[in-house]
PDB file of N, CA and C in Angstrom:
ATOM      1  N   MET A   1     -67.136 -33.308  -8.380  1.00  0.00           N
ATOM      2  CA  MET A   1     -67.335 -32.553  -9.454  1.00  0.00           C
ATOM      3  C   MET A   1     -67.348 -31.036  -9.654  1.00  0.00           C
ATOM      4  N   TRP A   2     -66.402 -31.299 -10.933  1.00  0.00           N
ATOM      5  CA  TRP A   2     -65.575 -29.614 -11.177  1.00  0.00           C
ATOM      6  C   TRP A   2     -65.968 -29.167 -12.222  1.00  0.00           C
ATOM      7  N   ILE A   3     -65.710 -27.981 -12.411  1.00  0.00           N
ATOM      8  CA  ILE A   3     -66.086 -27.963 -14.136  1.00  0.00           C
ATOM      9  C   ILE A   3     -65.039 -26.770 -14.042  1.00  0.00           C
ATOM     10  N   ASN A   4     -64.818 -26.626 -15.418  1.00  0.00           N
ATOM     11  CA  ASN A   4     -63.906 -25.601 -16.154  1.00  0.00           C
ATOM     12  C   ASN A   4     -64.192 -24.752 -17.161  1.00  0.00           C
ATOM     13  N   TYR A   5     -63.860 -24.206 -17.873  1.00  0.00           N
ATOM     14  CA  TYR A   5     -64.234 -22.977 -18.688  1.00  0.00           C
ATOM     15  C   TYR A   5     -62.398 -22.293 -19.420  1.00  0.00           C
ATOM     16  N   ARG A   6     -62.222 -22.105 -20.663  1.00  0.00           N
ATOM     17  CA  ARG A   6     -61.271 -22.583 -21.237  1.00  0.00           C
ATOM     18  C   ARG A   6     -61.248 -21.183 -22.765  1.00  0.00           C
ATOM     19  N   ASP A   7     -61.493 -19.546 -22.436  1.00  0.00           N
ATOM     20  CA  ASP A   7     -61.475 -19.229 -23.544  1.00  0.00           C
ATOM     21  C   ASP A   7     -60.003 -18.516 -24.212  1.00  0.00           C
ATOM     22  N   GLU A   8     -59.143 -18.558 -25.373  1.00  0.00           N
ATOM     23  CA  GLU A   8     -58.245 -18.518 -25.984  1.00  0.00           C
ATOM     24  C   GLU A   8     -57.766 -17.991 -27.396  1.00  0.00           C
ATOM     25  N   LYS A   9     -57.308 -16.893 -27.108  1.00  0.00           N
ATOM     26  CA  LYS A   9     -57.027 -16.480 -28.543  1.00  0.00           C
ATOM     27  C   LYS A   9     -55.503 -17.221 -29.166  1.00  0.00           C
ATOM     28  N   GLN A  10     -55.016 -17.422 -30.139  1.00  0.00           N
ATOM     29  CA  GLN A  10     -53.787 -17.835 -30.684  1.00  0.00           C
ATOM     30  C   GLN A  10     -53.999 -17.572 -32.230  1.00  0.00           C
ATOM     31  N   GLU A  11     -51.798 -17.635 -32.300  1.00  0.00           N
ATOM     32  CA  GLU A  11     -51.731 -16.974 -32.751  1.00  0.00           C
ATOM     33  C   GLU A  11     -51.089 -18.204 -34.178  1.00  0.00           C
ATOM     34  N   SER A  12     -51.304 -18.692 -35.257  1.00  0.00           N
ATOM     35  CA  SER A  12     -51.314 -19.244 -36.370  1.00  0.00           C
ATOM     36  C   SER A  12     -50.839 -18.603 -37.624  1.00  0.00           C
ATOM     37  N   ILE A  13     -49.828 -18.623 -37.401  1.00  0.00           N
ATOM     38  CA  ILE A  13     -48.089 -18.353 -38.809  1.00  0.00           C
ATOM     39  C   ILE A  13     -48.386 -18.907 -40.082  1.00  0.00           C
ATOM     40  N   LEU A  14     -48.549 -19.118 -41.265  1.00  0.00           N
ATOM     41  CA  LEU A  14     -48.935 -19.974 -42.424  1.00  0.00           C
ATOM     42  C   LEU A  14     -47.634 -19.123 -43.120  1.00  0.00           C
ATOM     43  N   TYR A  15     -47.555 -20.281 -43.857  1.00  0.00           N
ATOM     44  CA  TYR A  15     -46.278 -19.887 -45.071  1.00  0.00           C
ATOM     45  C   TYR A  15     -46.613 -20.220 -46.277  1.00  0.00           C
ATOM     46  N   GLY A  16     -45.977 -19.689 -47.405  1.00  0.00           N
ATOM     47  CA  GLY A  16     -46.773 -20.173 -48.664  1.00  0.00           C
ATOM     48  C   GLY A  16     -45.202 -19.659 -49.789  1.00  0.00           C
ATOM     49  N   LEU A  17     -45.614 -20.120 -50.672  1.00  0.00           N
ATOM     50  CA  LEU A  17     -44.412 -19.253 -52.102  1.00  0.00           C
ATOM     51  C   LEU A  17     -46.017 -18.564 -52.896  1.00  0.00           C
ATOM     52  N   ALA A  18     -45.085 -17.683 -53.348  1.00  0.00           N
ATOM     53  CA  ALA A  18     -45.759 -17.004 -54.210  1.00  0.00           C
ATOM     54  C   ALA A  18     -45.097 -16.211 -55.269  1.00  0.00           C
ATOM     55  N   ASN A  19     -45.050 -16.852 -56.667  1.00  0.00           N
ATOM     56  CA  ASN A  19     -44.653 -16.158 -57.611  1.00  0.00           C
ATOM     57  C   ASN A  19     -44.542 -14.648 -57.900  1.00  0.00           C
ATOM     58  N   ASN A  20     -43.497 -14.014 -58.299  1.00  0.00           N
ATOM     59  CA  ASN A  20     -43.356 -12.632 -58.144  1.00  0.00           C
ATOM     60  C   ASN A  20     -43.568 -12.486 -60.204  1.00  0.00           C
ATOM     61  N   PRO A  21     -44.344 -11.786 -60.694  1.00  0.00           N
ATOM     62  CA  PRO A  21     -44.576 -11.673 -62.422  1.00  0.00           C
ATOM     63  C   PRO A  21     -43.314 -11.113 -62.899  1.00  0.00           C
ATOM     64  N   GLU A  22     -42.632  -9.844 -61.975  1.00  0.00           N
ATOM     65  CA  GLU A  22     -41.439  -9.506 -61.948  1.00  0.00           C
ATOM     66  C   GLU A  22     -40.170 -10.230 -62.569  1.00  0.00           C
ATOM     67  N   THR A  23     -39.811 -11.222 -62.141  1.00  0.00           N
ATOM     68  CA  THR A  23     -38.829 -12.359 -62.006  1.00  0.00           C
ATOM     69  C   THR A  23     -38.297 -13.571 -62.722  1.00  0.00           C
ATOM     70  N   GLU A  24     -37.479 -13.178 -63.736  1.00  0.00           N
ATOM     71  CA  GLU A  24     -37.031 -13.661 -64.939  1.00  0.00           C
ATOM     72  C   GLU A  24     -36.614 -15.489 -64.684  1.00  0.00           C
ATOM     73  N   VAL A  25     -36.935 -15.719 -65.628  1.00  0.00           N
ATOM     74  CA  VAL A  25     -36.980 -17.392 -65.401  1.00  0.00           C
ATOM     75  C   VAL A  25     -35.758 -18.155 -65.479  1.00  0.00           C
ATOM     76  N   SER A  26     -34.986 -18.339 -64.748  1.00  0.00           N
ATOM     77  CA  SER A  26     -33.274 -18.509 -65.466  1.00  0.00           C
ATOM     78  C   SER A  26     -33.486 -19.745 -65.633  1.00  0.00           C
ATOM     79  N   GLY A  27     -33.433 -20.838 -66.637  1.00  0.00           N
ATOM     80  CA  GLY A  27     -32.996 -21.419 -66.943  1.00  0.00           C
ATOM     81  C   GLY A  27     -33.762 -23.023 -65.808  1.00  0.00           C
ATOM     82  N   GLY A  28     -35.079 -22.486 -66.707  1.00  0.00           N
ATOM     83  CA  GLY A  28     -36.181 -22.811 -66.475  1.00  0.00           C
ATOM     84  C   GLY A  28     -36.850 -23.056 -64.647  1.00  0.00           C
ATOM     85  N   VAL A  29     -35.898 -22.460 -63.898  1.00  0.00           N
ATOM     86  CA  VAL A  29     -36.543 -22.638 -62.764  1.00  0.00           C
ATOM     87  C   VAL A  29     -37.252 -21.474 -62.251  1.00  0.00           C
ATOM     88  N   ILE A  30     -38.129 -20.963 -61.565  1.00  0.00           N
ATOM     89  CA  ILE A  30     -38.736 -19.311 -61.549  1.00  0.00           C
ATOM     90  C   ILE A  30     -38.472 -19.286 -60.194  1.00  0.00           C
ATOM     91  N   ASN A  31     -38.078 -18.595 -60.215  1.00  0.00           N
ATOM     92  CA  ASN A  31     -36.921 -17.340 -58.567  1.00  0.00           C
ATOM     93  C   ASN A  31     -39.007 -17.111 -57.554  1.00  0.00           C
ATOM     94  N   ASP A  32     -38.709 -18.108 -56.689  1.00  0.00           N
ATOM     95  CA  ASP A  32     -40.239 -17.621 -55.595  1.00  0.00           C
ATOM     96  C   ASP A  32     -39.583 -16.919 -54.367  1.00  0.00           C
ATOM     97  N   GLU A  33     -40.823 -15.982 -53.777  1.00  0.00           N
ATOM     98  CA  GLU A  33     -40.988 -16.061 -52.973  1.00  0.00           C
ATOM     99  C   GLU A  33     -41.796 -16.123 -51.690  1.00  0.00           C
ATOM    100  N   THR A  34     -41.409 -15.814 -50.623  1.00  0.00           N
ATOM    101  CA  THR A  34     -41.795 -16.359 -49.769  1.00  0.00           C
ATOM    102  C   THR A  34     -42.438 -16.065 -48.950  1.00  0.00           C
ATOM    103  N   ILE A  35     -44.535 -15.660 -48.345  1.00  0.00           N
ATOM    104  CA  ILE A  35     -44.844 -15.316 -47.919  1.00  0.00           C
ATOM    105  C   ILE A  35     -45.405 -15.771 -46.442  1.00  0.00           C
ATOM    106  N   ARG A  36     -45.040 -14.788 -45.400  1.00  0.00           N
ATOM    107  CA  ARG A  36     -45.936 -15.147 -44.426  1.00  0.00           C
ATOM    108  C   ARG A  36     -47.178 -14.242 -43.765  1.00  0.00           C
ATOM    109  N   GLU A  37     -48.264 -15.056 -43.735  1.00  0.00           N
ATOM    110  CA  GLU A  37     -49.479 -15.120 -43.354  1.00  0.00           C
ATOM    111  C   GLU A  37     -49.698 -14.903 -41.608  1.00  0.00           C
ATOM    112  N   GLU A  38     -50.013 -14.306 -41.109  1.00  0.00           N
ATOM    113  CA  GLU A  38     -50.507 -14.406 -39.873  1.00  0.00           C
ATOM    114  C   GLU A  38     -51.986 -13.836 -39.036  1.00  0.00           C
ATOM    115  N   SER A  39     -52.435 -15.397 -38.390  1.00  0.00           N
ATOM    116  CA  SER A  39     -54.087 -15.253 -38.418  1.00  0.00           C
ATOM    117  C   SER A  39     -54.166 -15.411 -36.897  1.00  0.00           C
ATOM    118  N   VAL A  40     -55.117 -14.683 -36.602  1.00  0.00           N
ATOM    119  CA  VAL A  40     -55.549 -14.788 -34.971  1.00  0.00           C
ATOM    120  C   VAL A  40     -56.542 -16.057 -35.271  1.00  0.00           C
ATOM    121  N   PHE A  41     -56.814 -17.106 -34.248  1.00  0.00           N
ATOM    122  CA  PHE A  41     -57.857 -17.884 -33.941  1.00  0.00           C
ATOM    123  C   PHE A  41     -58.334 -17.701 -32.678  1.00  0.00           C
ATOM    124  N   SER A  42     -59.575 -18.294 -32.096  1.00  0.00           N
ATOM    125  CA  SER A  42     -60.470 -18.496 -30.851  1.00  0.00           C
ATOM    126  C   SER A  42     -60.521 -19.740 -30.940  1.00  0.00           C
ATOM    127  N   ARG A  43     -60.577 -19.869 -29.784  1.00  0.00           N
ATOM    128  CA  ARG A  43     -60.485 -21.401 -29.179  1.00  0.00           C
ATOM    129  C   ARG A  43     -61.900 -21.371 -27.939  1.00  0.00           C
ATOM    130  N   LYS A  44     -62.343 -22.334 -27.343  1.00  0.00           N
ATOM    131  CA  LYS A  44     -62.840 -22.087 -26.329  1.00  0.00           C
ATOM    132  C   LYS A  44     -63.309 -23.948 -25.937  1.00  0.00           C
ATOM    133  N   THR A  45     -63.310 -24.389 -25.180  1.00  0.00           N
ATOM    134  CA  THR A  45     -62.948 -25.149 -24.793  1.00  0.00           C
ATOM    135  C   THR A  45     -63.755 -24.933 -22.814  1.00  0.00           C
ATOM    136  N   TYR A  46     -64.660 -26.016 -22.990  1.00  0.00           N
ATOM    137  CA  TYR A  46     -65.870 -26.419 -22.038  1.00  0.00           C
ATOM    138  C   TYR A  46     -65.320 -28.299 -20.952  1.00  0.00           C
ATOM    139  N   GLU A  47     -65.192 -28.150 -19.959  1.00  0.00           N
ATOM    140  CA  GLU A  47     -64.864 -29.301 -19.310  1.00  0.00           C
ATOM    141  C   GLU A  47     -65.844 -29.516 -18.008  1.00  0.00           C
ATOM    142  N   ALA A  48     -66.818 -30.933 -17.523  1.00  0.00           N
ATOM    143  CA  ALA A  48     -66.928 -31.356 -16.996  1.00  0.00           C
ATOM    144  C   ALA A  48     -66.695 -32.867 -16.690  1.00  0.00           C
ATOM    145  N   GLY A  49     -66.376 -32.761 -15.254  1.00  0.00           N
ATOM    146  CA  GLY A  49     -65.993 -34.057 -14.187  1.00  0.00           C
ATOM    147  C   GLY A  49     -67.051 -34.106 -13.236  1.00  0.00           C
ATOM    148  N   THR A  50     -67.491 -35.793 -12.200  1.00  0.00           N
ATOM    149  CA  THR A  50     -68.031 -35.826 -11.483  1.00  0.00           C
ATOM    150  C   THR A  50     -66.493 -37.272 -11.406  1.00  0.00           C
ATOM    151  N   SER A  51     -66.574 -38.006  -9.699  1.00  0.00           N
ATOM    152  CA  SER A  51     -66.446 -39.028  -9.106  1.00  0.00           C
ATOM    153  C   SER A  51     -67.015 -39.449  -8.767  1.00  0.00           C
ATOM    154  N   LEU A  52     -66.889 -41.275  -8.136  1.00  0.00           N
ATOM    155  CA  LEU A  52     -67.106 -41.527  -7.174  1.00  0.00           C
ATOM    156  C   LEU A  52     -66.412 -42.579  -7.115  1.00  0.00           C
ATOM    157  N   LYS A  53     -66.387 -42.878  -5.143  1.00  0.00           N
ATOM    158  CA  LYS A  53     -65.354 -43.849  -4.911  1.00  0.00           C
ATOM    159  C   LYS A  53     -66.600 -44.213  -3.547  1.00  0.00           C
ATOM    160  N   TYR A  54     -65.556 -46.283  -3.446  1.00  0.00           N
ATOM    161  CA  TYR A  54     -66.418 -46.497  -2.739  1.00  0.00           C
ATOM    162  C   TYR A  54     -65.839 -47.586  -2.494  1.00  0.00           C
ATOM    163  N   SER A  55     -65.679 -47.851  -0.075  1.00  0.00           N
ATOM    164  CA  SER A  55     -65.025 -49.069  -0.068  1.00  0.00           C
ATOM    165  C   SER A  55     -65.300 -49.680   0.618  1.00  0.00           C
ATOM    166  N   PHE A  56     -64.439 -50.558   0.764  1.00  0.00           N
ATOM    167  CA  PHE A  56     -64.511 -52.788   0.638  1.00  0.00           C
ATOM    168  C   PHE A  56     -64.319 -52.848   1.637  1.00  0.00           C
ATOM    169  N   LEU A  57     -64.610 -54.209   2.158  1.00  0.00           N
ATOM    170  CA  LEU A  57     -63.405 -54.932   2.575  1.00  0.00           C
ATOM    171  C   LEU A  57     -62.700 -55.233   3.232  1.00  0.00           C
ATOM    172  N   GLN A  58     -62.272 -53.838   3.903  1.00  0.00           N
ATOM    173  CA  GLN A  58     -61.285 -52.886   5.157  1.00  0.00           C
ATOM    174  C   GLN A  58     -60.203 -52.516   4.162  1.00  0.00           C
ATOM    175  N   TRP A  59     -59.839 -52.998   3.327  1.00  0.00           N
ATOM    176  CA  TRP A  59     -58.700 -53.050   2.420  1.00  0.00           C
ATOM    177  C   TRP A  59     -58.613 -52.005   0.737  1.00  0.00           C
ATOM    178  N   TYR A  60     -60.009 -52.505   0.302  1.00  0.00           N
ATOM    179  CA  TYR A  60     -60.304 -52.449  -1.365  1.00  0.00           C
ATOM    180  C   TYR A  60     -61.044 -50.882  -1.228  1.00  0.00           C
ATOM    181  N   THR A  61     -60.979 -50.156  -2.175  1.00  0.00           N
ATOM    182  CA  THR A  61     -61.140 -49.086  -3.003  1.00  0.00           C
ATOM    183  C   THR A  61     -61.225 -49.071  -4.605  1.00  0.00           C
ATOM    184  N   ALA A  62     -63.190 -49.067  -4.716  1.00  0.00           N
ATOM    185  CA  ALA A  62     -63.564 -49.248  -6.339  1.00  0.00           C
ATOM    186  C   ALA A  62     -63.213 -48.171  -7.023  1.00  0.00           C
ATOM    187  N   SER A  63     -63.047 -46.613  -7.346  1.00  0.00           N
ATOM    188  CA  SER A  63     -63.197 -45.580  -7.704  1.00  0.00           C
ATOM    189  C   SER A  63     -63.905 -45.261  -8.597  1.00  0.00           C
ATOM    190  N   LEU A  64     -64.863 -44.549  -9.753  1.00  0.00           N
ATOM    191  CA  LEU A  64     -65.629 -44.250 -11.412  1.00  0.00           C
ATOM    192  C   LEU A  64     -65.230 -42.866 -11.270  1.00  0.00           C
ATOM    193  N   LYS A  65     -64.395 -42.210 -12.882  1.00  0.00           N
ATOM    194  CA  LYS A  65     -64.718 -40.609 -12.603  1.00  0.00           C
ATOM    195  C   LYS A  65     -65.368 -41.267 -14.189  1.00  0.00           C
ATOM    196  N   TYR A  66     -65.986 -39.469 -14.119  1.00  0.00           N
ATOM    197  CA  TYR A  66     -66.166 -39.463 -15.802  1.00  0.00           C
ATOM    198  C   TYR A  66     -66.086 -37.802 -15.955  1.00  0.00           C
ATOM    199  N   THR A  67     -65.458 -37.826 -16.787  1.00  0.00           N
ATOM    200  CA  THR A  67     -65.205 -36.398 -17.354  1.00  0.00           C
ATOM    201  C   THR A  67     -65.579 -36.042 -19.155  1.00  0.00           C
ATOM    202  N   PHE A  68     -66.428 -35.075 -19.033  1.00  0.00           N
ATOM    203  CA  PHE A  68     -66.667 -34.671 -20.784  1.00  0.00           C
ATOM    204  C   PHE A  68     -65.939 -33.492 -20.544  1.00  0.00           C
ATOM    205  N   ARG A  69     -65.232 -33.306 -21.947  1.00  0.00           N
ATOM    206  CA  ARG A  69     -64.488 -32.096 -22.780  1.00  0.00           C
ATOM    207  C   ARG A  69     -65.512 -32.092 -24.584  1.00  0.00           C
ATOM    208  N   GLN A  70     -65.101 -30.340 -24.173  1.00  0.00           N
ATOM    209  CA  GLN A  70     -66.026 -29.973 -25.322  1.00  0.00           C
ATOM    210  C   GLN A  70     -65.184 -29.168 -25.663  1.00  0.00           C
ATOM    211  N   GLN A  71     -64.589 -28.719 -27.699  1.00  0.00           N
ATOM    212  CA  GLN A  71     -63.937 -27.587 -27.287  1.00  0.00           C
ATOM    213  C   GLN A  71     -64.436 -27.693 -28.948  1.00  0.00           C
ATOM    214  N   ASP A  72     -64.410 -26.170 -29.044  1.00  0.00           N
ATOM    215  CA  ASP A  72     -64.642 -25.465 -30.695  1.00  0.00           C
ATOM    216  C   ASP A  72     -64.194 -24.487 -31.054  1.00  0.00           C
ATOM    217  N   SER A  73     -63.699 -24.587 -31.852  1.00  0.00           N
ATOM    218  CA  SER A  73     -62.513 -23.583 -32.484  1.00  0.00           C
ATOM    219  C   SER A  73     -62.377 -23.776 -33.697  1.00  0.00           C
ATOM    220  N   GLU A  74     -61.939 -21.785 -33.930  1.00  0.00           N
ATOM    221  CA  GLU A  74     -62.418 -21.630 -35.647  1.00  0.00           C
ATOM    222  C   GLU A  74     -61.165 -22.562 -36.595  1.00  0.00           C
ATOM    223  N   GLU A  75     -60.651 -22.650 -36.028  1.00  0.00           N
ATOM    224  CA  GLU A  75     -59.593 -23.950 -36.906  1.00  0.00           C
ATOM    225  C   GLU A  75     -60.204 -24.513 -37.012  1.00  0.00           C
ATOM    226  N   VAL A  76     -59.770 -25.341 -38.015  1.00  0.00           N
ATOM    227  CA  VAL A  76     -60.448 -26.604 -39.502  1.00  0.00           C
ATOM    228  C   VAL A  76     -59.787 -27.322 -38.495  1.00  0.00           C
ATOM    229  N   ASN A  77     -60.208 -28.691 -37.936  1.00  0.00           N
ATOM    230  CA  ASN A  77     -60.750 -30.029 -37.361  1.00  0.00           C
ATOM    231  C   ASN A  77     -60.224 -29.923 -35.960  1.00  0.00           C
ATOM    232  N   ASP A  78     -60.439 -28.690 -35.764  1.00  0.00           N
ATOM    233  CA  ASP A  78     -59.927 -28.825 -34.106  1.00  0.00           C
ATOM    234  C   ASP A  78     -60.900 -28.480 -33.343  1.00  0.00           C
ATOM    235  N   SER A  79     -62.672 -28.700 -33.651  1.00  0.00           N
ATOM    236  CA  SER A  79     -63.162 -28.665 -32.428  1.00  0.00           C
ATOM    237  C   SER A  79     -63.333 -30.288 -32.514  1.00  0.00           C
ATOM    238  N   TYR A  80     -64.167 -30.766 -31.278  1.00  0.00           N
ATOM    239  CA  TYR A  80     -64.443 -31.798 -30.762  1.00  0.00           C
ATOM    240  C   TYR A  80     -65.382 -32.425 -29.893  1.00  0.00           C
ATOM    241  N   ASP A  81     -66.105 -32.682 -29.330  1.00  0.00           N
ATOM    242  CA  ASP A  81     -66.443 -33.750 -28.001  1.00  0.00           C
ATOM    243  C   ASP A  81     -64.925 -35.056 -27.926  1.00  0.00           C
ATOM    244  N   GLU A  82     -65.638 -35.059 -25.842  1.00  0.00           N
ATOM    245  CA  GLU A  82     -64.487 -36.253 -25.674  1.00  0.00           C
ATOM    246  C   GLU A  82     -65.641 -36.429 -24.125  1.00  0.00           C
ATOM    247  N   HIS A  83     -65.811 -38.118 -23.911  1.00  0.00           N
ATOM    248  CA  HIS A  83     -66.163 -38.551 -22.863  1.00  0.00           C
ATOM    249  C   HIS A  83     -65.251 -39.458 -22.793  1.00  0.00           C
ATOM    250  N   ARG A  84     -64.933 -39.558 -20.754  1.00  0.00           N
ATOM    251  CA  ARG A  84     -63.945 -40.920 -21.093  1.00  0.00           C
ATOM    252  C   ARG A  84     -64.319 -40.985 -19.404  1.00  0.00           C
ATOM    253  N   VAL A  85     -63.911 -41.938 -18.785  1.00  0.00           N
ATOM    254  CA  VAL A  85     -64.696 -42.647 -18.023  1.00  0.00           C
ATOM    255  C   VAL A  85     -63.561 -43.553 -17.668  1.00  0.00           C
ATOM    256  N   PHE A  86     -62.786 -43.645 -16.341  1.00  0.00           N
ATOM    257  CA  PHE A  86     -62.542 -44.370 -15.936  1.00  0.00           C
ATOM    258  C   PHE A  86     -62.684 -45.031 -14.383  1.00  0.00           C
ATOM    259  N   LEU A  87     -62.415 -46.359 -14.649  1.00  0.00           N
ATOM    260  CA  LEU A  87     -62.356 -47.172 -14.139  1.00  0.00           C
ATOM    261  C   LEU A  87     -61.203 -47.863 -12.960  1.00  0.00           C
ATOM    262  N   SER A  88     -61.178 -47.956 -11.378  1.00  0.00           N
ATOM    263  CA  SER A  88     -59.743 -48.390 -10.520  1.00  0.00           C
ATOM    264  C   SER A  88     -60.430 -49.347  -9.427  1.00  0.00           C
ATOM    265  N   LEU A  89     -59.387 -50.160  -9.292  1.00  0.00           N
ATOM    266  CA  LEU A  89     -59.913 -50.554  -7.874  1.00  0.00           C
ATOM    267  C   LEU A  89     -58.286 -50.553  -7.113  1.00  0.00           C
ATOM    268  N   SER A  90     -58.432 -50.887  -6.058  1.00  0.00           N
ATOM    269  CA  SER A  90     -56.923 -50.180  -4.924  1.00  0.00           C
ATOM    270  C   SER A  90     -57.193 -50.885  -3.760  1.00  0.00           C
ATOM    271  N   VAL A  91     -55.935 -50.976  -3.864  1.00  0.00           N
ATOM    272  CA  VAL A  91     -55.912 -51.913  -2.147  1.00  0.00           C
ATOM    273  C   VAL A  91     -55.352 -51.769  -1.992  1.00  0.00           C
ATOM    274  N   GLU A  92     -55.290 -51.221   0.339  1.00  0.00           N
ATOM    275  CA  GLU A  92     -53.963 -50.420   0.902  1.00  0.00           C
ATOM    276  C   GLU A  92     -54.076 -51.935   2.421  1.00  0.00           C
ATOM    277  N   LYS A  93     -52.575 -52.119   2.377  1.00  0.00           N
ATOM    278  CA  LYS A  93     -52.314 -52.911   3.163  1.00  0.00           C
ATOM    279  C   LYS A  93     -51.441 -52.237   3.717  1.00  0.00           C
ATOM    280  N   GLU A  94     -50.874 -52.560   4.796  1.00  0.00           N
ATOM    281  CA  GLU A  94     -50.324 -51.873   5.892  1.00  0.00           C
ATOM    282  C   GLU A  94     -48.593 -53.749   6.326  1.00  0.00           C
ATOM    283  N   LEU A  95     -48.145 -53.713   4.784  1.00  0.00           N
ATOM    284  CA  LEU A  95     -47.406 -54.606   5.267  1.00  0.00           C
ATOM    285  C   LEU A  95     -45.919 -54.749   5.842  1.00  0.00           C
ATOM    286  N   LEU A  96     -45.758 -53.437   6.283  1.00  0.00           N
ATOM    287  CA  LEU A  96     -44.600 -53.170   7.191  1.00  0.00           C
ATOM    288  C   LEU A  96     -44.449 -52.101   7.798  1.00  0.00           C
ATOM    289  N   ARG A  97     -44.256 -52.458   9.052  1.00  0.00           N
ATOM    290  CA  ARG A  97     -44.421 -51.063   9.737  1.00  0.00           C
ATOM    291  C   ARG A  97     -42.973 -50.571  10.625  1.00  0.00           C
ATOM    292  N   TRP A  98     -42.040 -49.750  10.309  1.00  0.00           N
ATOM    293  CA  TRP A  98     -41.130 -49.031  10.606  1.00  0.00           C
ATOM    294  C   TRP A  98     -41.408 -48.680  12.049  1.00  0.00           C
TER     295      TRP A  98
END
């Protein structure tokens, strides 16, 4: 079983265009000024998981792993919950001896 927690702050740089009212229109094109805005947002991530392993018939092993992850963020569309289940079957047999 394992548990993980992560709290991070990240900078997000946003670019946009702003019209300068003092700029003249020349040839039907407005000269725009680029604006750069920096914002800081926080993101928290929680993770937990566990696994089971079972050996059988001398060479075979079956394992089952489950993980859960939850992310809470101030950024739009960046928060989610995630569940994962992994099932694996492995065979271990010595074929050649050196």
